[in-house]
Amino acid sequence: MWTVCVFLVACAASAQTADDQSPSVQADPPKNIASSLDVQDDDSSLRVQVKGLAIFLAPGGRFKFPGTSGTGEFIDVEALNLDSPRLSPGIEIDASVEQWRIRASYISFDQSDQGAFSPTTRRVGDVDITKGDGLVSSLSFDWGQVQVGRVVYERAVGKDSKFQITAGAGVRFYDVSATVDRVAGGRAAADSTFVEPILGTESRFSYREAYTFRIAVDAGFSDWSDKTTQSWSITLESSVELYDRVSAQFGYRILTFDLEDGDGASTFEYDGSLAGLYAALSFTF
């Protein structure tokens, strides 16, 4: 009897020792698949986008050239054959960090030695032009702006889309040079630079950061001594990501303005617009 009991106790002790020495196996915690798939941009880091664009710009409006008599009249851009679209270069740089944005842009338009026949008799600057006179005209118009803004509204639209509204302020400048030469003799010319403060807003809708559509609107006004300006512009743009950090943009831009430089007979005025379709390629760093 004692032999059987000792045997049973020994077996029990041996079984307990084996259990203590066997490695414990624990199940891995479940992985959060949703978190691993949800990749978000780091808005706290600086992001810079450099965009080169080509825009088919067409000018419009009318000029009034400075003179000595003060009897000069307005002449339409169309009458000078300066309203034809021209492929013009431009550059735009966007920088963003957290909720702040800064954008700098520059576009240059140039159209030289455009021939036309005067449709009416008029005085342009100090030049008396008769109906049918041959004219040769040129226009150079450069403009750029710098604008600082902040995201004032942001909302997720579904799982992969986002809508933002940005408001900002900045400055815009113009460099305008125009000439009208009468073939039979006489020239009217003007060369002026303007600067104005601007206020603007931009609405942006993005889908997975790969497709973006934006509408930007701004307006400016200034009255500095003998120079006055007022303007507004609208940009419509769609963007698609081609490769990582490389995107293509297609859009439409219009800028309208009233520019006035001088006083009395020496006043130069250009009430007009520049508008056109454009294509661009951007690189993000």
Protein backbone atom coordinates (compact mmCIF):
# COMPACT_ATOMS: atom_id res chain seq x y z
CA MET A 1 0.00 0.00 0.00
CA TRP A 2 2.76 2.41 0.93
CA THR A 3 4.58 1.46 -2.24
CA VAL A 4 1.57 2.42 -4.40
CA CYS A 5 1.14 5.77 -2.63
CA VAL A 6 4.82 6.65 -3.03
CA PHE A 7 4.57 5.79 -6.74
CA LEU A 8 1.50 8.01 -7.27
CA VAL A 9 3.09 10.98 -5.48
CA ALA A 10 6.25 10.64 -7.60
CA CYS A 11 4.21 10.61 -10.81
CA ALA A 12 2.27 13.73 -9.78
CA ALA A 13 5.46 15.61 -8.90
CA SER A 14 7.04 14.66 -12.22
CA ALA A 15 3.99 15.90 -14.17
CA GLN A 16 4.00 19.24 -12.28
CA THR A 17 7.72 19.75 -13.03
CA ALA A 18 7.15 19.14 -16.76
CA ASP A 19 4.34 21.73 -16.82
CA ASP A 20 6.53 24.33 -15.11
CA GLN A 21 9.38 23.82 -17.56
CA SER A 22 7.30 23.88 -20.75
CA PRO A 23 7.46 27.29 -22.60
CA SER A 24 4.39 29.42 -22.31
CA VAL A 25 2.80 30.37 -25.65
CA GLN A 26 0.95 33.69 -25.78
CA ALA A 27 -1.20 34.87 -28.69
CA ASP A 28 -0.02 38.02 -30.44
CA PRO A 29 -2.29 41.03 -29.90
CA PRO A 30 -4.55 41.73 -32.89
CA LYS A 31 -3.09 44.18 -35.38
CA ASN A 32 -4.90 47.45 -36.09
CA ILE A 33 -5.29 47.08 -39.83
CA ALA A 34 -7.16 50.34 -40.17
CA SER A 35 -4.29 52.27 -38.56
CA SER A 36 -1.73 50.66 -40.85
CA LEU A 37 -3.74 51.66 -43.91
CA ASP A 38 -4.51 55.21 -42.78
CA VAL A 39 -1.54 57.30 -43.97
CA GLN A 40 -1.74 61.02 -43.25
CA ASP A 41 0.46 63.90 -44.33
CA ASP A 42 2.69 65.55 -41.78
CA ASP A 43 1.40 69.13 -41.91
CA SER A 44 3.99 70.28 -39.39
CA SER A 45 6.87 69.94 -41.89
CA LEU A 46 7.69 72.55 -44.53
CA ARG A 47 6.45 71.67 -47.99
CA VAL A 48 7.51 73.60 -51.11
CA GLN A 49 6.03 73.26 -54.59
CA VAL A 50 7.69 74.83 -57.65
CA LYS A 51 5.50 75.19 -60.72
CA GLY A 52 6.49 76.20 -64.23
CA LEU A 53 3.59 77.17 -66.47
CA ALA A 54 2.83 78.15 -70.05
CA ILE A 55 -0.25 80.31 -70.54
CA PHE A 56 -1.98 81.48 -73.74
CA LEU A 57 -2.60 85.09 -72.73
CA ALA A 58 -4.79 87.48 -74.69
CA PRO A 59 -4.92 91.16 -73.68
CA GLY A 60 -7.98 93.37 -73.90
CA GLY A 61 -9.11 96.88 -72.99
CA ARG A 62 -7.91 100.33 -74.04
CA PHE A 63 -4.99 102.75 -73.65
CA LYS A 64 -4.71 106.47 -73.13
CA PHE A 65 -1.17 107.69 -73.80
CA PRO A 66 0.46 110.71 -72.18
CA GLY A 67 0.90 113.90 -74.21
CA THR A 68 1.49 117.60 -73.87
CA SER A 69 -1.84 118.97 -75.03
CA GLY A 70 -4.17 116.81 -72.97
CA THR A 71 -6.40 116.12 -75.96
CA GLY A 72 -5.31 112.51 -76.46
CA GLU A 73 -8.06 109.90 -76.77
CA PHE A 74 -8.41 106.27 -75.74
CA ILE A 75 -7.54 103.64 -78.32
CA ASP A 76 -8.62 100.00 -78.09
CA VAL A 77 -6.15 97.15 -77.84
CA GLU A 78 -8.10 95.43 -80.61
CA ALA A 79 -7.63 98.42 -82.95
CA LEU A 80 -3.86 98.05 -82.51
CA ASN A 81 -3.96 94.30 -83.27
CA LEU A 82 -2.53 93.55 -79.81
CA ASP A 83 -5.36 91.27 -78.71
CA SER A 84 -4.03 88.03 -80.23
CA PRO A 85 -3.20 85.23 -77.73
CA ARG A 86 0.49 84.64 -77.09
CA LEU A 87 2.18 81.75 -75.31
CA SER A 88 3.72 83.31 -72.22
CA PRO A 89 5.95 81.88 -69.49
CA GLY A 90 5.30 81.96 -65.78
CA ILE A 91 6.48 80.53 -62.48
CA GLU A 92 4.73 79.92 -59.17
CA ILE A 93 6.18 78.87 -55.82
CA ASP A 94 4.00 77.59 -52.97
CA ALA A 95 5.25 76.97 -49.45
CA SER A 96 3.13 75.57 -46.60
CA VAL A 97 3.68 74.61 -42.99
CA GLU A 98 0.87 73.59 -40.63
CA GLN A 99 -2.04 75.96 -41.43
CA TRP A 100 0.04 78.68 -43.10
CA ARG A 101 0.54 79.22 -46.82
CA ILE A 102 2.70 81.56 -48.88
CA ARG A 103 2.55 81.86 -52.67
CA ALA A 104 4.72 83.87 -55.07
CA SER A 105 4.00 84.05 -58.80
CA TYR A 106 5.25 85.87 -61.89
CA ILE A 107 3.95 85.97 -65.49
CA SER A 108 5.43 87.82 -68.46
CA PHE A 109 3.54 88.82 -71.63
CA ASP A 110 5.18 90.39 -74.67
CA GLN A 111 3.84 91.25 -78.10
CA SER A 112 5.96 93.34 -80.47
CA ASP A 113 5.67 95.06 -83.85
CA GLN A 114 2.02 94.31 -84.51
CA GLY A 115 0.77 96.00 -87.67
CA ALA A 116 -2.70 97.51 -88.10
CA PHE A 117 -4.63 100.24 -89.93
CA SER A 118 -6.40 102.83 -87.83
CA PRO A 119 -10.18 102.32 -88.02
CA THR A 120 -10.90 105.96 -87.09
CA THR A 121 -9.37 109.41 -86.96
CA ARG A 122 -8.14 110.30 -83.48
CA ARG A 123 -5.33 111.80 -81.45
CA VAL A 124 -3.16 109.29 -79.57
CA GLY A 125 -0.86 111.05 -77.14
CA ASP A 126 0.59 113.85 -79.28
CA VAL A 127 0.15 111.96 -82.56
CA ASP A 128 -2.71 112.81 -84.92
CA ILE A 129 -3.84 109.60 -86.60
CA THR A 130 -6.11 109.56 -89.63
CA LYS A 131 -8.43 106.74 -90.56
CA GLY A 132 -6.49 104.20 -92.60
CA ASP A 133 -3.05 105.20 -91.30
CA GLY A 134 -0.62 102.35 -90.84
CA LEU A 135 0.32 101.64 -87.21
CA VAL A 136 2.93 99.44 -85.58
CA SER A 137 2.35 98.69 -81.90
CA SER A 138 3.99 96.77 -79.04
CA LEU A 139 2.93 95.79 -75.53
CA SER A 140 4.97 94.34 -72.68
CA PHE A 141 3.09 93.46 -69.52
CA ASP A 142 4.68 91.70 -66.55
CA TRP A 143 2.92 91.06 -63.28
CA GLY A 144 3.67 89.17 -60.11
CA GLN A 145 2.37 88.83 -56.59
CA VAL A 146 3.23 87.49 -53.15
CA GLN A 147 0.44 86.40 -50.83
CA VAL A 148 0.45 84.99 -47.29
CA GLY A 149 -2.60 83.08 -46.10
CA ARG A 150 -3.96 80.79 -43.43
CA VAL A 151 -6.43 77.91 -43.56
CA VAL A 152 -9.61 79.22 -41.92
CA TYR A 153 -11.86 76.24 -42.62
CA GLU A 154 -11.10 72.56 -43.16
CA ARG A 155 -13.37 69.55 -43.35
CA ALA A 156 -13.03 65.92 -44.32
CA VAL A 157 -15.38 64.82 -47.09
CA GLY A 158 -15.74 61.09 -46.81
CA LYS A 159 -12.71 58.94 -46.05
CA ASP A 160 -10.31 60.12 -48.79
CA SER A 161 -11.32 63.72 -49.57
CA LYS A 162 -10.74 67.09 -47.96
CA PHE A 163 -12.10 70.61 -48.43
CA GLN A 164 -10.20 73.74 -47.36
CA ILE A 165 -10.73 77.49 -47.44
CA THR A 166 -7.71 79.79 -47.12
CA ALA A 167 -7.81 83.57 -46.63
CA GLY A 168 -4.82 85.84 -47.09
CA ALA A 169 -3.29 89.17 -48.02
CA GLY A 170 -0.32 90.28 -50.06
CA VAL A 171 1.01 92.62 -52.72
CA ARG A 172 0.85 92.68 -56.53
CA PHE A 173 3.01 94.62 -58.97
CA TYR A 174 2.75 95.50 -62.66
CA ASP A 175 5.37 96.61 -65.16
CA VAL A 176 3.72 97.96 -68.32
CA SER A 177 5.32 99.28 -71.50
CA ALA A 178 3.34 100.20 -74.63
CA THR A 179 4.14 102.00 -77.88
CA VAL A 180 2.18 103.05 -80.96
CA ASP A 181 4.18 104.15 -84.03
CA ARG A 182 2.52 105.86 -86.97
CA VAL A 183 4.20 104.58 -90.12
CA ALA A 184 4.11 108.06 -91.62
CA GLY A 185 5.79 109.48 -88.51
CA GLY A 186 5.03 110.06 -84.85
CA ARG A 187 5.07 107.92 -81.73
CA ALA A 188 3.00 107.55 -78.57
CA ALA A 189 4.67 105.66 -75.72
CA ALA A 190 4.33 104.88 -72.02
CA ASP A 191 6.31 102.91 -69.46
CA SER A 192 5.00 102.58 -65.90
CA THR A 193 5.27 100.42 -62.80
CA PHE A 194 2.48 99.92 -60.26
CA VAL A 195 2.21 98.28 -56.82
CA GLU A 196 -0.96 97.49 -54.88
CA PRO A 197 -2.02 95.53 -51.78
CA ILE A 198 -4.39 92.62 -52.36
CA LEU A 199 -6.82 90.48 -50.38
CA GLY A 200 -7.81 87.02 -51.51
CA THR A 201 -9.33 83.66 -50.74
CA GLU A 202 -8.90 80.15 -52.10
CA SER A 203 -11.18 77.11 -51.97
CA ARG A 204 -9.49 73.73 -52.48
CA PHE A 205 -10.95 70.24 -52.82
CA SER A 206 -8.54 67.30 -52.82
CA TYR A 207 -9.04 63.57 -53.26
CA ARG A 208 -6.32 61.33 -51.78
CA GLU A 209 -3.88 64.21 -52.30
CA ALA A 210 -3.55 63.00 -55.89
CA TYR A 211 -6.39 64.99 -57.47
CA THR A 212 -7.03 68.61 -56.59
CA PHE A 213 -9.34 71.37 -57.79
CA ARG A 214 -8.99 74.94 -56.58
CA ILE A 215 -10.64 78.34 -57.11
CA ALA A 216 -8.64 81.43 -56.12
CA VAL A 217 -10.09 84.96 -56.11
CA ASP A 218 -8.35 88.19 -55.12
CA ALA A 219 -8.80 91.94 -55.47
CA GLY A 220 -6.49 94.92 -55.13
CA PHE A 221 -6.65 98.70 -54.83
CA SER A 222 -4.13 101.48 -54.36
CA ASP A 223 -3.92 105.26 -54.55
CA TRP A 224 -0.29 106.29 -54.19
CA SER A 225 0.38 109.94 -55.07
CA ASP A 226 -0.18 110.14 -58.84
CA LYS A 227 -0.64 106.38 -59.34
CA THR A 228 -3.93 104.55 -58.81
CA THR A 229 -4.88 100.93 -59.40
CA GLN A 230 -7.80 98.61 -58.92
CA SER A 231 -7.96 94.99 -59.98
CA TRP A 232 -9.36 91.53 -59.44
CA SER A 233 -8.36 88.10 -60.63
CA ILE A 234 -9.78 84.58 -60.75
CA THR A 235 -7.89 81.30 -61.15
CA LEU A 236 -9.54 77.93 -61.82
CA GLU A 237 -7.17 74.97 -61.68
CA SER A 238 -7.26 71.17 -61.64
CA SER A 239 -4.22 69.10 -60.68
CA VAL A 240 -3.35 65.43 -61.03
CA GLU A 241 -0.35 63.63 -59.54
CA LEU A 242 1.72 61.92 -62.26
CA TYR A 243 4.47 60.47 -60.08
CA ASP A 244 5.55 60.82 -56.50
CA ARG A 245 6.00 64.59 -55.95
CA VAL A 246 5.39 65.40 -59.63
CA SER A 247 2.02 66.81 -60.76
CA ALA A 248 0.43 68.37 -63.83
CA GLN A 249 -1.99 71.30 -63.71
CA PHE A 250 -4.51 72.69 -66.18
CA GLY A 251 -6.45 75.86 -65.64
CA TYR A 252 -7.77 79.28 -66.60
CA ARG A 253 -6.69 82.66 -65.25
CA ILE A 254 -8.11 86.14 -65.76
CA LEU A 255 -6.79 89.45 -64.45
CA THR A 256 -8.71 92.69 -64.95
CA PHE A 257 -7.33 96.08 -63.96
CA ASP A 258 -7.58 99.86 -64.16
CA LEU A 259 -4.11 101.41 -64.06
CA GLU A 260 -3.47 105.18 -64.05
CA ASP A 261 -0.13 106.97 -63.82
CA GLY A 262 0.40 110.72 -63.97
CA ASP A 263 -1.68 113.86 -63.78
CA GLY A 264 -3.39 115.98 -66.39
CA ALA A 265 -2.07 115.77 -69.94
CA SER A 266 0.80 113.47 -68.92
CA THR A 267 -1.54 110.73 -67.66
CA PHE A 268 -1.15 107.17 -68.90
CA GLU A 269 -4.15 104.88 -68.47
CA TYR A 270 -4.64 101.23 -69.24
CA ASP A 271 -8.09 99.83 -68.49
CA GLY A 272 -7.91 96.24 -69.55
CA SER A 273 -7.49 92.55 -68.87
CA LEU A 274 -5.30 89.54 -69.54
CA ALA A 275 -6.84 86.09 -69.70
CA GLY A 276 -6.06 82.62 -70.96
CA LEU A 277 -5.78 78.87 -70.52
CA TYR A 278 -2.62 77.36 -69.13
CA ALA A 279 -0.78 74.11 -68.48
CA ALA A 280 1.84 73.56 -65.81
CA LEU A 281 4.18 71.00 -64.32
CA SER A 282 5.05 71.14 -60.61
CA PHE A 283 7.62 69.51 -58.34
CA THR A 284 7.12 69.17 -54.59
CA PHE A 285 9.96 69.08 -52.07
